[in-house]
mmCIF file of all heavy atoms, coordinates in Angstrom:
data_MODEL
# 
_entry.id   MODEL 
# 
loop_
_atom_site.group_PDB 
_atom_site.id 
_atom_site.type_symbol 
_atom_site.label_atom_id 
_atom_site.label_alt_id 
_atom_site.label_comp_id 
_atom_site.label_asym_id 
_atom_site.label_entity_id 
_atom_site.label_seq_id 
_atom_site.pdbx_PDB_ins_code 
_atom_site.Cartn_x 
_atom_site.Cartn_y 
_atom_site.Cartn_z 
_atom_site.occupancy 
_atom_site.B_iso_or_equiv 
_atom_site.pdbx_formal_charge 
_atom_site.auth_seq_id 
_atom_site.auth_comp_id 
_atom_site.auth_asym_id 
_atom_site.auth_atom_id 
_atom_site.pdbx_PDB_model_num 
ATOM 1   N N   . ARG A 1 1  ? -25.826 1.469  3.794  1.00 0.00 ? 1  ARG A N   1 
ATOM 2   C CA  . ARG A 1 1  ? -26.177 0.111  4.037  1.00 0.00 ? 1  ARG A CA  1 
ATOM 3   C C   . ARG A 1 1  ? -25.309 -0.811 3.214  1.00 0.00 ? 1  ARG A C   1 
ATOM 4   O O   . ARG A 1 1  ? -24.477 -0.465 2.495  1.00 0.00 ? 1  ARG A O   1 
ATOM 5   C CB  . ARG A 1 1  ? -27.655 -0.098 3.566  1.00 0.00 ? 1  ARG A CB  1 
ATOM 6   C CG  . ARG A 1 1  ? -28.651 0.864  4.238  1.00 0.00 ? 1  ARG A CG  1 
ATOM 7   C CD  . ARG A 1 1  ? -30.075 0.496  3.879  1.00 0.00 ? 1  ARG A CD  1 
ATOM 8   N NE  . ARG A 1 1  ? -30.269 0.310  2.455  1.00 0.00 ? 1  ARG A NE  1 
ATOM 9   C CZ  . ARG A 1 1  ? -30.626 1.355  1.631  1.00 0.00 ? 1  ARG A CZ  1 
ATOM 10  N NH1 . ARG A 1 1  ? -30.919 2.538  2.106  1.00 0.00 ? 1  ARG A NH1 1 
ATOM 11  N NH2 . ARG A 1 1  ? -30.793 1.157  0.349  1.00 0.00 ? 1  ARG A NH2 1 
ATOM 12  N N   . ALA A 1 2  ? -25.539 -2.144 3.520  1.00 0.00 ? 2  ALA A N   1 
ATOM 13  C CA  . ALA A 1 2  ? -24.705 -3.124 2.782  1.00 0.00 ? 2  ALA A CA  1 
ATOM 14  C C   . ALA A 1 2  ? -24.874 -3.113 1.312  1.00 0.00 ? 2  ALA A C   1 
ATOM 15  O O   . ALA A 1 2  ? -23.907 -3.429 0.592  1.00 0.00 ? 2  ALA A O   1 
ATOM 16  C CB  . ALA A 1 2  ? -25.062 -4.551 3.376  1.00 0.00 ? 2  ALA A CB  1 
ATOM 17  N N   . ASP A 1 3  ? -26.040 -2.712 0.861  1.00 0.00 ? 3  ASP A N   1 
ATOM 18  C CA  . ASP A 1 3  ? -26.238 -2.626 -0.639 1.00 0.00 ? 3  ASP A CA  1 
ATOM 19  C C   . ASP A 1 3  ? -26.027 -1.265 -1.240 1.00 0.00 ? 3  ASP A C   1 
ATOM 20  O O   . ASP A 1 3  ? -26.318 -0.995 -2.375 1.00 0.00 ? 3  ASP A O   1 
ATOM 21  C CB  . ASP A 1 3  ? -27.704 -3.088 -0.948 1.00 0.00 ? 3  ASP A CB  1 
ATOM 22  C CG  . ASP A 1 3  ? -28.680 -2.194 -0.292 1.00 0.00 ? 3  ASP A CG  1 
ATOM 23  O OD1 . ASP A 1 3  ? -28.345 -1.347 0.571  1.00 0.00 ? 3  ASP A OD1 1 
ATOM 24  O OD2 . ASP A 1 3  ? -29.961 -2.260 -0.658 1.00 0.00 ? 3  ASP A OD2 1 
ATOM 25  N N   . SER A 1 4  ? -25.474 -0.339 -0.366 1.00 0.00 ? 4  SER A N   1 
ATOM 26  C CA  . SER A 1 4  ? -25.142 1.003  -0.898 1.00 0.00 ? 4  SER A CA  1 
ATOM 27  C C   . SER A 1 4  ? -24.018 1.014  -1.893 1.00 0.00 ? 4  SER A C   1 
ATOM 28  O O   . SER A 1 4  ? -23.092 0.164  -1.799 1.00 0.00 ? 4  SER A O   1 
ATOM 29  C CB  . SER A 1 4  ? -24.738 1.931  0.299  1.00 0.00 ? 4  SER A CB  1 
ATOM 30  O OG  . SER A 1 4  ? -25.801 2.165  1.182  1.00 0.00 ? 4  SER A OG  1 
ATOM 31  N N   . ALA A 1 5  ? -24.127 1.881  -2.858 1.00 0.00 ? 5  ALA A N   1 
ATOM 32  C CA  . ALA A 1 5  ? -22.962 2.097  -3.814 1.00 0.00 ? 5  ALA A CA  1 
ATOM 33  C C   . ALA A 1 5  ? -21.718 2.548  -3.119 1.00 0.00 ? 5  ALA A C   1 
ATOM 34  O O   . ALA A 1 5  ? -21.839 3.185  -2.053 1.00 0.00 ? 5  ALA A O   1 
ATOM 35  C CB  . ALA A 1 5  ? -23.399 2.948  -4.934 1.00 0.00 ? 5  ALA A CB  1 
ATOM 36  N N   . ASP A 1 6  ? -20.554 2.226  -3.655 1.00 0.00 ? 6  ASP A N   1 
ATOM 37  C CA  . ASP A 1 6  ? -19.274 2.689  -3.093 1.00 0.00 ? 6  ASP A CA  1 
ATOM 38  C C   . ASP A 1 6  ? -19.322 4.257  -2.811 1.00 0.00 ? 6  ASP A C   1 
ATOM 39  O O   . ASP A 1 6  ? -18.795 4.698  -1.833 1.00 0.00 ? 6  ASP A O   1 
ATOM 40  C CB  . ASP A 1 6  ? -18.138 2.368  -3.981 1.00 0.00 ? 6  ASP A CB  1 
ATOM 41  C CG  . ASP A 1 6  ? -17.908 0.916  -4.030 1.00 0.00 ? 6  ASP A CG  1 
ATOM 42  O OD1 . ASP A 1 6  ? -18.533 0.141  -3.309 1.00 0.00 ? 6  ASP A OD1 1 
ATOM 43  O OD2 . ASP A 1 6  ? -17.041 0.494  -4.869 1.00 0.00 ? 6  ASP A OD2 1 
ATOM 44  N N   . PHE A 1 7  ? -19.952 4.994  -3.790 1.00 0.00 ? 7  PHE A N   1 
ATOM 45  C CA  . PHE A 1 7  ? -20.012 6.439  -3.595 1.00 0.00 ? 7  PHE A CA  1 
ATOM 46  C C   . PHE A 1 7  ? -20.473 6.867  -2.255 1.00 0.00 ? 7  PHE A C   1 
ATOM 47  O O   . PHE A 1 7  ? -19.964 7.697  -1.557 1.00 0.00 ? 7  PHE A O   1 
ATOM 48  C CB  . PHE A 1 7  ? -20.875 7.018  -4.723 1.00 0.00 ? 7  PHE A CB  1 
ATOM 49  C CG  . PHE A 1 7  ? -21.071 8.535  -4.544 1.00 0.00 ? 7  PHE A CG  1 
ATOM 50  C CD1 . PHE A 1 7  ? -20.212 9.411  -5.214 1.00 0.00 ? 7  PHE A CD1 1 
ATOM 51  C CD2 . PHE A 1 7  ? -22.138 9.063  -3.841 1.00 0.00 ? 7  PHE A CD2 1 
ATOM 52  C CE1 . PHE A 1 7  ? -20.414 10.757 -5.109 1.00 0.00 ? 7  PHE A CE1 1 
ATOM 53  C CE2 . PHE A 1 7  ? -22.310 10.407 -3.727 1.00 0.00 ? 7  PHE A CE2 1 
ATOM 54  C CZ  . PHE A 1 7  ? -21.414 11.305 -4.370 1.00 0.00 ? 7  PHE A CZ  1 
ATOM 55  N N   . TRP A 1 8  ? -21.667 6.191  -1.756 1.00 0.00 ? 8  TRP A N   1 
ATOM 56  C CA  . TRP A 1 8  ? -22.300 6.703  -0.589 1.00 0.00 ? 8  TRP A CA  1 
ATOM 57  C C   . TRP A 1 8  ? -21.490 6.291  0.719  1.00 0.00 ? 8  TRP A C   1 
ATOM 58  O O   . TRP A 1 8  ? -21.477 6.986  1.702  1.00 0.00 ? 8  TRP A O   1 
ATOM 59  C CB  . TRP A 1 8  ? -23.692 6.104  -0.503 1.00 0.00 ? 8  TRP A CB  1 
ATOM 60  C CG  . TRP A 1 8  ? -24.556 6.677  -1.617 1.00 0.00 ? 8  TRP A CG  1 
ATOM 61  C CD1 . TRP A 1 8  ? -25.082 6.060  -2.637 1.00 0.00 ? 8  TRP A CD1 1 
ATOM 62  C CD2 . TRP A 1 8  ? -25.005 8.106  -1.709 1.00 0.00 ? 8  TRP A CD2 1 
ATOM 63  N NE1 . TRP A 1 8  ? -25.827 6.907  -3.420 1.00 0.00 ? 8  TRP A NE1 1 
ATOM 64  C CE2 . TRP A 1 8  ? -25.754 8.148  -2.840 1.00 0.00 ? 8  TRP A CE2 1 
ATOM 65  C CE3 . TRP A 1 8  ? -24.758 9.199  -0.881 1.00 0.00 ? 8  TRP A CE3 1 
ATOM 66  C CZ2 . TRP A 1 8  ? -26.276 9.333  -3.253 1.00 0.00 ? 8  TRP A CZ2 1 
ATOM 67  C CZ3 . TRP A 1 8  ? -25.322 10.428 -1.346 1.00 0.00 ? 8  TRP A CZ3 1 
ATOM 68  C CH2 . TRP A 1 8  ? -26.091 10.503 -2.501 1.00 0.00 ? 8  TRP A CH2 1 
ATOM 69  N N   . ILE A 1 9  ? -20.768 5.126  0.608  1.00 0.00 ? 9  ILE A N   1 
ATOM 70  C CA  . ILE A 1 9  ? -19.934 4.729  1.741  1.00 0.00 ? 9  ILE A CA  1 
ATOM 71  C C   . ILE A 1 9  ? -18.740 5.681  1.900  1.00 0.00 ? 9  ILE A C   1 
ATOM 72  O O   . ILE A 1 9  ? -18.445 6.159  2.980  1.00 0.00 ? 9  ILE A O   1 
ATOM 73  C CB  . ILE A 1 9  ? -19.510 3.311  1.558  1.00 0.00 ? 9  ILE A CB  1 
ATOM 74  C CG1 . ILE A 1 9  ? -20.676 2.344  1.599  1.00 0.00 ? 9  ILE A CG1 1 
ATOM 75  C CG2 . ILE A 1 9  ? -18.531 2.886  2.614  1.00 0.00 ? 9  ILE A CG2 1 
ATOM 76  C CD1 . ILE A 1 9  ? -20.389 0.909  1.448  1.00 0.00 ? 9  ILE A CD1 1 
ATOM 77  N N   . ILE A 1 10 ? -18.141 6.016  0.768  1.00 0.00 ? 10 ILE A N   1 
ATOM 78  C CA  . ILE A 1 10 ? -17.037 6.977  0.830  1.00 0.00 ? 10 ILE A CA  1 
ATOM 79  C C   . ILE A 1 10 ? -17.579 8.316  1.235  1.00 0.00 ? 10 ILE A C   1 
ATOM 80  O O   . ILE A 1 10 ? -16.863 9.073  2.071  1.00 0.00 ? 10 ILE A O   1 
ATOM 81  C CB  . ILE A 1 10 ? -16.273 7.030  -0.503 1.00 0.00 ? 10 ILE A CB  1 
ATOM 82  C CG1 . ILE A 1 10 ? -15.794 5.642  -0.919 1.00 0.00 ? 10 ILE A CG1 1 
ATOM 83  C CG2 . ILE A 1 10 ? -15.081 7.973  -0.348 1.00 0.00 ? 10 ILE A CG2 1 
ATOM 84  C CD1 . ILE A 1 10 ? -15.212 5.640  -2.273 1.00 0.00 ? 10 ILE A CD1 1 
ATOM 85  N N   . ALA A 1 11 ? -18.678 8.784  0.740  1.00 0.00 ? 11 ALA A N   1 
ATOM 86  C CA  . ALA A 1 11 ? -19.211 10.064 1.076  1.00 0.00 ? 11 ALA A CA  1 
ATOM 87  C C   . ALA A 1 11 ? -19.520 10.125 2.566  1.00 0.00 ? 11 ALA A C   1 
ATOM 88  O O   . ALA A 1 11 ? -19.236 11.158 3.249  1.00 0.00 ? 11 ALA A O   1 
ATOM 89  C CB  . ALA A 1 11 ? -20.503 10.296 0.288  1.00 0.00 ? 11 ALA A CB  1 
ATOM 90  N N   . SER A 1 12 ? -19.951 9.013  3.109  1.00 0.00 ? 12 SER A N   1 
ATOM 91  C CA  . SER A 1 12 ? -20.217 8.940  4.567  1.00 0.00 ? 12 SER A CA  1 
ATOM 92  C C   . SER A 1 12 ? -18.974 9.156  5.336  1.00 0.00 ? 12 SER A C   1 
ATOM 93  O O   . SER A 1 12 ? -18.929 9.791  6.385  1.00 0.00 ? 12 SER A O   1 
ATOM 94  C CB  . SER A 1 12 ? -20.976 7.661  4.905  1.00 0.00 ? 12 SER A CB  1 
ATOM 95  O OG  . SER A 1 12 ? -21.269 7.566  6.274  1.00 0.00 ? 12 SER A OG  1 
ATOM 96  N N   . ALA A 1 13 ? -17.935 8.475  4.889  1.00 0.00 ? 13 ALA A N   1 
ATOM 97  C CA  . ALA A 1 13 ? -16.648 8.618  5.568  1.00 0.00 ? 13 ALA A CA  1 
ATOM 98  C C   . ALA A 1 13 ? -16.054 9.949  5.508  1.00 0.00 ? 13 ALA A C   1 
ATOM 99  O O   . ALA A 1 13 ? -15.550 10.559 6.480  1.00 0.00 ? 13 ALA A O   1 
ATOM 100 C CB  . ALA A 1 13 ? -15.652 7.652  4.982  1.00 0.00 ? 13 ALA A CB  1 
ATOM 101 N N   . VAL A 1 14 ? -16.189 10.621 4.294  1.00 0.00 ? 14 VAL A N   1 
ATOM 102 C CA  . VAL A 1 14 ? -15.718 12.056 4.156  1.00 0.00 ? 14 VAL A CA  1 
ATOM 103 C C   . VAL A 1 14 ? -16.586 12.937 5.005  1.00 0.00 ? 14 VAL A C   1 
ATOM 104 O O   . VAL A 1 14 ? -16.089 13.976 5.559  1.00 0.00 ? 14 VAL A O   1 
ATOM 105 C CB  . VAL A 1 14 ? -15.779 12.420 2.683  1.00 0.00 ? 14 VAL A CB  1 
ATOM 106 C CG1 . VAL A 1 14 ? -15.433 13.902 2.484  1.00 0.00 ? 14 VAL A CG1 1 
ATOM 107 C CG2 . VAL A 1 14 ? -14.755 11.650 1.842  1.00 0.00 ? 14 VAL A CG2 1 
ATOM 108 N N   . ARG A 1 15 ? -17.821 12.672 5.127  1.00 0.00 ? 15 ARG A N   1 
ATOM 109 C CA  . ARG A 1 15 ? -18.732 13.505 5.975  1.00 0.00 ? 15 ARG A CA  1 
ATOM 110 C C   . ARG A 1 15 ? -18.276 13.443 7.405  1.00 0.00 ? 15 ARG A C   1 
ATOM 111 O O   . ARG A 1 15 ? -18.168 14.448 8.113  1.00 0.00 ? 15 ARG A O   1 
ATOM 112 C CB  . ARG A 1 15 ? -20.172 12.989 5.866  1.00 0.00 ? 15 ARG A CB  1 
ATOM 113 C CG  . ARG A 1 15 ? -21.176 13.620 6.833  1.00 0.00 ? 15 ARG A CG  1 
ATOM 114 C CD  . ARG A 1 15 ? -22.578 13.058 6.543  1.00 0.00 ? 15 ARG A CD  1 
ATOM 115 N NE  . ARG A 1 15 ? -23.546 13.630 7.404  1.00 0.00 ? 15 ARG A NE  1 
ATOM 116 C CZ  . ARG A 1 15 ? -23.940 13.179 8.567  1.00 0.00 ? 15 ARG A CZ  1 
ATOM 117 N NH1 . ARG A 1 15 ? -23.358 12.093 9.025  1.00 0.00 ? 15 ARG A NH1 1 
ATOM 118 N NH2 . ARG A 1 15 ? -24.894 13.794 9.328  1.00 0.00 ? 15 ARG A NH2 1 
ATOM 119 N N   . GLU A 1 16 ? -17.918 12.258 7.864  1.00 0.00 ? 16 GLU A N   1 
ATOM 120 C CA  . GLU A 1 16 ? -17.301 12.102 9.216  1.00 0.00 ? 16 GLU A CA  1 
ATOM 121 C C   . GLU A 1 16 ? -16.079 12.771 9.440  1.00 0.00 ? 16 GLU A C   1 
ATOM 122 O O   . GLU A 1 16 ? -15.826 13.482 10.446 1.00 0.00 ? 16 GLU A O   1 
ATOM 123 C CB  . GLU A 1 16 ? -17.196 10.621 9.567  1.00 0.00 ? 16 GLU A CB  1 
ATOM 124 C CG  . GLU A 1 16 ? -16.838 10.364 11.034 1.00 0.00 ? 16 GLU A CG  1 
ATOM 125 C CD  . GLU A 1 16 ? -16.809 8.861  11.339 1.00 0.00 ? 16 GLU A CD  1 
ATOM 126 O OE1 . GLU A 1 16 ? -17.711 8.157  10.790 1.00 0.00 ? 16 GLU A OE1 1 
ATOM 127 O OE2 . GLU A 1 16 ? -15.989 8.430  12.133 1.00 0.00 ? 16 GLU A OE2 1 
ATOM 128 N N   . PHE A 1 17 ? -15.203 12.803 8.351  1.00 0.00 ? 17 PHE A N   1 
ATOM 129 C CA  . PHE A 1 17 ? -13.895 13.526 8.397  1.00 0.00 ? 17 PHE A CA  1 
ATOM 130 C C   . PHE A 1 17 ? -14.130 15.050 8.571  1.00 0.00 ? 17 PHE A C   1 
ATOM 131 O O   . PHE A 1 17 ? -13.472 15.738 9.380  1.00 0.00 ? 17 PHE A O   1 
ATOM 132 C CB  . PHE A 1 17 ? -13.175 13.251 7.129  1.00 0.00 ? 17 PHE A CB  1 
ATOM 133 C CG  . PHE A 1 17 ? -11.848 13.931 6.983  1.00 0.00 ? 17 PHE A CG  1 
ATOM 134 C CD1 . PHE A 1 17 ? -10.673 13.252 7.323  1.00 0.00 ? 17 PHE A CD1 1 
ATOM 135 C CD2 . PHE A 1 17 ? -11.723 15.222 6.556  1.00 0.00 ? 17 PHE A CD2 1 
ATOM 136 C CE1 . PHE A 1 17 ? -9.379  13.847 7.232  1.00 0.00 ? 17 PHE A CE1 1 
ATOM 137 C CE2 . PHE A 1 17 ? -10.519 15.877 6.485  1.00 0.00 ? 17 PHE A CE2 1 
ATOM 138 C CZ  . PHE A 1 17 ? -9.336  15.185 6.808  1.00 0.00 ? 17 PHE A CZ  1 
ATOM 139 N N   . PHE A 1 18 ? -15.135 15.495 7.750  1.00 0.00 ? 18 PHE A N   1 
ATOM 140 C CA  . PHE A 1 18 ? -15.492 16.898 7.897  1.00 0.00 ? 18 PHE A CA  1 
ATOM 141 C C   . PHE A 1 18 ? -16.031 17.364 9.287  1.00 0.00 ? 18 PHE A C   1 
ATOM 142 O O   . PHE A 1 18 ? -15.652 18.408 9.791  1.00 0.00 ? 18 PHE A O   1 
ATOM 143 C CB  . PHE A 1 18 ? -16.483 17.283 6.797  1.00 0.00 ? 18 PHE A CB  1 
ATOM 144 C CG  . PHE A 1 18 ? -17.082 18.718 6.873  1.00 0.00 ? 18 PHE A CG  1 
ATOM 145 C CD1 . PHE A 1 18 ? -16.219 19.696 6.439  1.00 0.00 ? 18 PHE A CD1 1 
ATOM 146 C CD2 . PHE A 1 18 ? -18.311 18.938 7.401  1.00 0.00 ? 18 PHE A CD2 1 
ATOM 147 C CE1 . PHE A 1 18 ? -16.738 21.135 6.561  1.00 0.00 ? 18 PHE A CE1 1 
ATOM 148 C CE2 . PHE A 1 18 ? -18.840 20.209 7.453  1.00 0.00 ? 18 PHE A CE2 1 
ATOM 149 C CZ  . PHE A 1 18 ? -18.017 21.286 6.998  1.00 0.00 ? 18 PHE A CZ  1 
ATOM 150 N N   . GLN A 1 19 ? -16.825 16.432 9.797  1.00 0.00 ? 19 GLN A N   1 
ATOM 151 C CA  . GLN A 1 19 ? -17.377 16.771 11.115 1.00 0.00 ? 19 GLN A CA  1 
ATOM 152 C C   . GLN A 1 19 ? -16.231 16.835 12.211 1.00 0.00 ? 19 GLN A C   1 
ATOM 153 O O   . GLN A 1 19 ? -16.376 17.592 13.206 1.00 0.00 ? 19 GLN A O   1 
ATOM 154 C CB  . GLN A 1 19 ? -18.456 15.759 11.526 1.00 0.00 ? 19 GLN A CB  1 
ATOM 155 C CG  . GLN A 1 19 ? -19.770 15.832 10.670 1.00 0.00 ? 19 GLN A CG  1 
ATOM 156 C CD  . GLN A 1 19 ? -20.673 14.691 10.978 1.00 0.00 ? 19 GLN A CD  1 
ATOM 157 O OE1 . GLN A 1 19 ? -20.290 13.630 11.361 1.00 0.00 ? 19 GLN A OE1 1 
ATOM 158 N NE2 . GLN A 1 19 ? -21.946 14.927 10.704 1.00 0.00 ? 19 GLN A NE2 1 
ATOM 159 N N   . GLN A 1 20 ? -15.265 16.105 12.027 1.00 0.00 ? 20 GLN A N   1 
ATOM 160 C CA  . GLN A 1 20 ? -14.100 15.990 12.965 1.00 0.00 ? 20 GLN A CA  1 
ATOM 161 C C   . GLN A 1 20 ? -13.161 17.193 12.773 1.00 0.00 ? 20 GLN A C   1 
ATOM 162 O O   . GLN A 1 20 ? -12.630 17.718 13.738 1.00 0.00 ? 20 GLN A O   1 
ATOM 163 C CB  . GLN A 1 20 ? -13.305 14.736 12.874 1.00 0.00 ? 20 GLN A CB  1 
ATOM 164 C CG  . GLN A 1 20 ? -14.068 13.473 13.326 1.00 0.00 ? 20 GLN A CG  1 
ATOM 165 C CD  . GLN A 1 20 ? -13.338 12.165 13.033 1.00 0.00 ? 20 GLN A CD  1 
ATOM 166 O OE1 . GLN A 1 20 ? -12.126 12.226 12.635 1.00 0.00 ? 20 GLN A OE1 1 
ATOM 167 N NE2 . GLN A 1 20 ? -14.001 11.066 13.248 1.00 0.00 ? 20 GLN A NE2 1 
ATOM 168 N N   . HIS A 1 21 ? -12.857 17.575 11.544 1.00 0.00 ? 21 HIS A N   1 
ATOM 169 C CA  . HIS A 1 21 ? -11.899 18.588 11.240 1.00 0.00 ? 21 HIS A CA  1 
ATOM 170 C C   . HIS A 1 21 ? -12.375 19.950 10.656 1.00 0.00 ? 21 HIS A C   1 
ATOM 171 O O   . HIS A 1 21 ? -11.632 20.891 10.587 1.00 0.00 ? 21 HIS A O   1 
ATOM 172 C CB  . HIS A 1 21 ? -10.858 18.029 10.305 1.00 0.00 ? 21 HIS A CB  1 
ATOM 173 C CG  . HIS A 1 21 ? -10.256 16.724 10.685 1.00 0.00 ? 21 HIS A CG  1 
ATOM 174 N ND1 . HIS A 1 21 ? -9.273  16.715 11.721 1.00 0.00 ? 21 HIS A ND1 1 
ATOM 175 C CD2 . HIS A 1 21 ? -10.402 15.476 10.296 1.00 0.00 ? 21 HIS A CD2 1 
ATOM 176 C CE1 . HIS A 1 21 ? -8.971  15.427 11.898 1.00 0.00 ? 21 HIS A CE1 1 
ATOM 177 N NE2 . HIS A 1 21 ? -9.609  14.706 11.075 1.00 0.00 ? 21 HIS A NE2 1 
ATOM 178 N N   . ASN A 1 22 ? -13.651 19.952 10.306 1.00 0.00 ? 22 ASN A N   1 
ATOM 179 C CA  . ASN A 1 22 ? -14.314 21.203 9.787  1.00 0.00 ? 22 ASN A CA  1 
ATOM 180 C C   . ASN A 1 22 ? -13.641 21.536 8.396  1.00 0.00 ? 22 ASN A C   1 
ATOM 181 O O   . ASN A 1 22 ? -13.745 22.678 8.005  1.00 0.00 ? 22 ASN A O   1 
ATOM 182 C CB  . ASN A 1 22 ? -14.295 22.326 10.719 1.00 0.00 ? 22 ASN A CB  1 
ATOM 183 C CG  . ASN A 1 22 ? -15.384 23.328 10.444 1.00 0.00 ? 22 ASN A CG  1 
ATOM 184 O OD1 . ASN A 1 22 ? -16.506 22.892 10.029 1.00 0.00 ? 22 ASN A OD1 1 
ATOM 185 N ND2 . ASN A 1 22 ? -15.164 24.539 10.656 1.00 0.00 ? 22 ASN A ND2 1 
ATOM 186 N N   . VAL A 1 23 ? -12.939 20.642 7.767  1.00 0.00 ? 23 VAL A N   1 
ATOM 187 C CA  . VAL A 1 23 ? -12.425 20.833 6.429  1.00 0.00 ? 23 VAL A CA  1 
ATOM 188 C C   . VAL A 1 23 ? -12.537 19.491 5.749  1.00 0.00 ? 23 VAL A C   1 
ATOM 189 O O   . VAL A 1 23 ? -12.794 18.425 6.330  1.00 0.00 ? 23 VAL A O   1 
ATOM 190 C CB  . VAL A 1 23 ? -10.941 21.253 6.458  1.00 0.00 ? 23 VAL A CB  1 
ATOM 191 C CG1 . VAL A 1 23 ? -10.785 22.706 6.978  1.00 0.00 ? 23 VAL A CG1 1 
ATOM 192 C CG2 . VAL A 1 23 ? -10.109 20.261 7.193  1.00 0.00 ? 23 VAL A CG2 1 
ATOM 193 N N   . LEU A 1 24 ? -12.440 19.539 4.435  1.00 0.00 ? 24 LEU A N   1 
ATOM 194 C CA  . LEU A 1 24 ? -12.404 18.296 3.620  1.00 0.00 ? 24 LEU A CA  1 
ATOM 195 C C   . LEU A 1 24 ? -11.020 17.801 3.508  1.00 0.00 ? 24 LEU A C   1 
ATOM 196 O O   . LEU A 1 24 ? -10.017 18.575 3.713  1.00 0.00 ? 24 LEU A O   1 
ATOM 197 C CB  . LEU A 1 24 ? -13.058 18.564 2.254  1.00 0.00 ? 24 LEU A CB  1 
ATOM 198 C CG  . LEU A 1 24 ? -14.496 18.921 2.207  1.00 0.00 ? 24 LEU A CG  1 
ATOM 199 C CD1 . LEU A 1 24 ? -14.925 19.337 0.766  1.00 0.00 ? 24 LEU A CD1 1 
ATOM 200 C CD2 . LEU A 1 24 ? -15.278 17.728 2.687  1.00 0.00 ? 24 LEU A CD2 1 
ATOM 201 N N   . PRO A 1 25 ? -10.786 16.606 3.075  1.00 0.00 ? 25 PRO A N   1 
ATOM 202 C CA  . PRO A 1 25 ? -9.462  16.084 2.809  1.00 0.00 ? 25 PRO A CA  1 
ATOM 203 C C   . PRO A 1 25 ? -8.741  17.013 1.803  1.00 0.00 ? 25 PRO A C   1 
ATOM 204 O O   . PRO A 1 25 ? -9.247  17.515 0.863  1.00 0.00 ? 25 PRO A O   1 
ATOM 205 C CB  . PRO A 1 25 ? -9.719  14.726 2.237  1.00 0.00 ? 25 PRO A CB  1 
ATOM 206 C CG  . PRO A 1 25 ? -10.977 14.280 2.682  1.00 0.00 ? 25 PRO A CG  1 
ATOM 207 C CD  . PRO A 1 25 ? -11.775 15.484 2.801  1.00 0.00 ? 25 PRO A CD  1 
# 
């Protein structure tokens, strides 16, 4: 959400990356 800490926004992006590539950065 808009009031989410930076950690959760980056974690959400990395989660999406994992779902697309099945690996982490």
